[in-house]
């Protein structure tokens, strides 16, 4: 090594450690800052033409969804083959396409499901 290189190396390491200590002090100061509390409550903002569920409009679902008759289910036309992991067994199934539900107010909602690939 050239004379003086060791001094520069020691100086660079000391500078890096000093910077690291200052960063640690900043982090500790940040962590010790006081809590500001929750964001104050404000009025919500909707979009023009929105209706509430109980306003007589076509709002949302009232209460629980219940399937009243399993016979109203429909199934996809194309069957799907499922093979066991060892390849010994194979079954053919038709996937569910739609289900009808009724909410507490008696309104019917139909869930339409895509066919898995």
Protein backbone atom coordinates (compact mmCIF):
# COMPACT_ATOMS: atom_id res chain seq x y z
CA UNK A 1 0.00 0.00 0.00
CA UNK A 2 1.01 3.53 -0.64
CA UNK A 3 1.70 5.64 2.42
CA UNK A 4 -1.35 7.75 3.38
CA UNK A 5 -3.88 5.28 1.93
CA UNK A 6 -4.54 3.81 5.36
CA UNK A 7 -5.27 7.29 6.75
CA UNK A 8 -7.78 7.95 3.94
CA UNK A 9 -9.41 4.56 4.54
CA UNK A 10 -9.74 5.25 8.27
CA UNK A 11 -11.13 8.73 7.53
CA UNK A 12 -13.73 7.30 5.08
CA UNK A 13 -14.85 4.63 7.56
CA UNK A 14 -15.16 7.22 10.34
CA UNK A 15 -17.22 9.49 8.05
CA UNK A 16 -19.53 6.60 7.13
CA UNK A 17 -20.03 5.68 10.79
CA UNK A 18 -20.74 9.31 11.72
CA UNK A 19 -23.34 9.57 8.96
CA UNK A 20 -24.88 6.31 10.12
CA UNK A 21 -25.15 7.61 13.70
CA UNK A 22 -26.83 10.82 12.51
CA UNK A 23 -29.33 8.78 10.46
CA UNK A 24 -30.08 6.63 13.53
CA UNK A 25 -30.76 9.76 15.59
CA UNK A 26 -33.16 11.06 12.91
CA UNK A 27 -35.02 7.71 12.88
CA UNK A 28 -35.30 7.71 16.68
CA UNK A 29 -36.59 11.29 16.64
CA UNK A 30 -39.16 10.31 14.03
CA UNK A 31 -40.35 7.32 16.05
CA UNK A 32 -40.73 9.42 19.19
CA UNK A 33 -43.01 11.99 17.52
CA UNK A 34 -46.44 12.37 19.09
CA UNK A 35 -49.49 10.69 17.65
CA UNK A 36 -51.74 13.05 15.72
CA UNK A 37 -54.92 11.03 16.14
CA UNK A 38 -57.52 10.03 13.61
CA UNK A 39 -58.57 11.98 10.55
CA UNK A 40 -61.59 14.13 11.42
CA UNK A 41 -64.99 12.99 10.12
CA UNK A 42 -66.26 14.59 6.91
CA UNK A 43 -69.31 14.24 4.71
CA UNK A 44 -69.09 11.51 2.09
CA UNK A 45 -69.15 12.35 -1.57
CA UNK A 46 -71.37 10.34 -3.90
CA UNK A 47 -72.01 10.53 -7.60
CA UNK A 48 -74.97 12.17 -9.29
CA UNK A 49 -77.96 9.88 -9.63
CA UNK A 50 -77.01 7.49 -6.80
CA UNK A 51 -79.92 6.13 -4.76
CA UNK A 52 -79.96 4.65 -1.28
CA UNK A 53 -81.28 1.12 -0.79
CA UNK A 54 -84.27 2.24 1.28
CA UNK A 55 -85.22 5.23 -0.92
CA UNK A 56 -87.48 3.23 -3.20
CA UNK A 57 -84.83 3.19 -5.93
CA UNK A 58 -83.04 0.14 -7.20
CA UNK A 59 -80.62 0.26 -4.30
CA UNK A 60 -79.06 -2.87 -2.89
CA UNK A 61 -79.87 -6.24 -1.42
CA UNK A 62 -82.00 -6.34 1.72
CA UNK A 63 -80.86 -8.91 4.24
CA UNK A 64 -79.61 -12.42 3.58
CA UNK A 65 -79.62 -14.09 0.18
CA UNK A 66 -81.45 -17.44 0.20
CA UNK A 67 -81.73 -20.03 -2.55
CA UNK A 68 -85.39 -21.03 -2.36
CA UNK A 69 -85.38 -23.79 -5.00
CA UNK A 70 -82.32 -25.81 -6.07
CA UNK A 71 -84.25 -26.86 -9.20
CA UNK A 72 -83.75 -23.40 -10.72
CA UNK A 73 -79.98 -23.91 -11.04
CA UNK A 74 -78.60 -24.10 -14.57
CA UNK A 75 -75.42 -25.80 -15.76
CA UNK A 76 -73.00 -25.15 -18.62
CA UNK A 77 -73.58 -27.30 -21.72
CA UNK A 78 -69.95 -28.38 -22.22
CA UNK A 79 -68.82 -31.03 -19.70
CA UNK A 80 -65.34 -30.93 -18.16
CA UNK A 81 -63.06 -33.94 -17.61
CA UNK A 82 -61.27 -34.27 -14.27
CA UNK A 83 -58.55 -36.90 -13.91
CA UNK A 84 -57.13 -38.19 -10.61
CA UNK A 85 -53.50 -37.39 -9.86
CA UNK A 86 -52.41 -40.95 -10.61
CA UNK A 87 -54.37 -41.00 -13.89
CA UNK A 88 -56.44 -44.04 -12.93
CA UNK A 89 -59.83 -42.35 -12.54
CA UNK A 90 -61.58 -39.82 -14.72
CA UNK A 91 -64.92 -38.14 -14.08
CA UNK A 92 -67.02 -35.82 -16.21
CA UNK A 93 -68.82 -32.87 -14.63
CA UNK A 94 -70.94 -30.00 -15.84
CA UNK A 95 -70.12 -26.73 -14.08
CA UNK A 96 -72.73 -24.52 -12.44
CA UNK A 97 -73.88 -21.64 -14.68
CA UNK A 98 -76.48 -19.73 -12.65
CA UNK A 99 -78.19 -19.69 -9.24
CA UNK A 100 -81.29 -17.72 -8.20
CA UNK A 101 -81.42 -16.08 -4.80
CA UNK A 102 -84.15 -14.13 -3.01
CA UNK A 103 -83.43 -11.43 -0.44
CA UNK A 104 -85.55 -10.65 2.64
CA UNK A 105 -87.79 -8.33 0.57
CA UNK A 106 -88.49 -11.12 -1.95
CA UNK A 107 -86.46 -9.57 -4.78
CA UNK A 108 -84.85 -12.20 -7.03
CA UNK A 109 -81.15 -11.93 -7.89
CA UNK A 110 -79.47 -14.27 -10.38
CA UNK A 111 -75.77 -15.07 -10.05
CA UNK A 112 -74.30 -16.01 -13.43
CA UNK A 113 -70.97 -17.86 -13.25
CA UNK A 114 -68.35 -18.24 -15.99
CA UNK A 115 -67.28 -21.72 -17.02
CA UNK A 116 -63.85 -22.64 -15.62
CA UNK A 117 -61.25 -23.52 -18.19
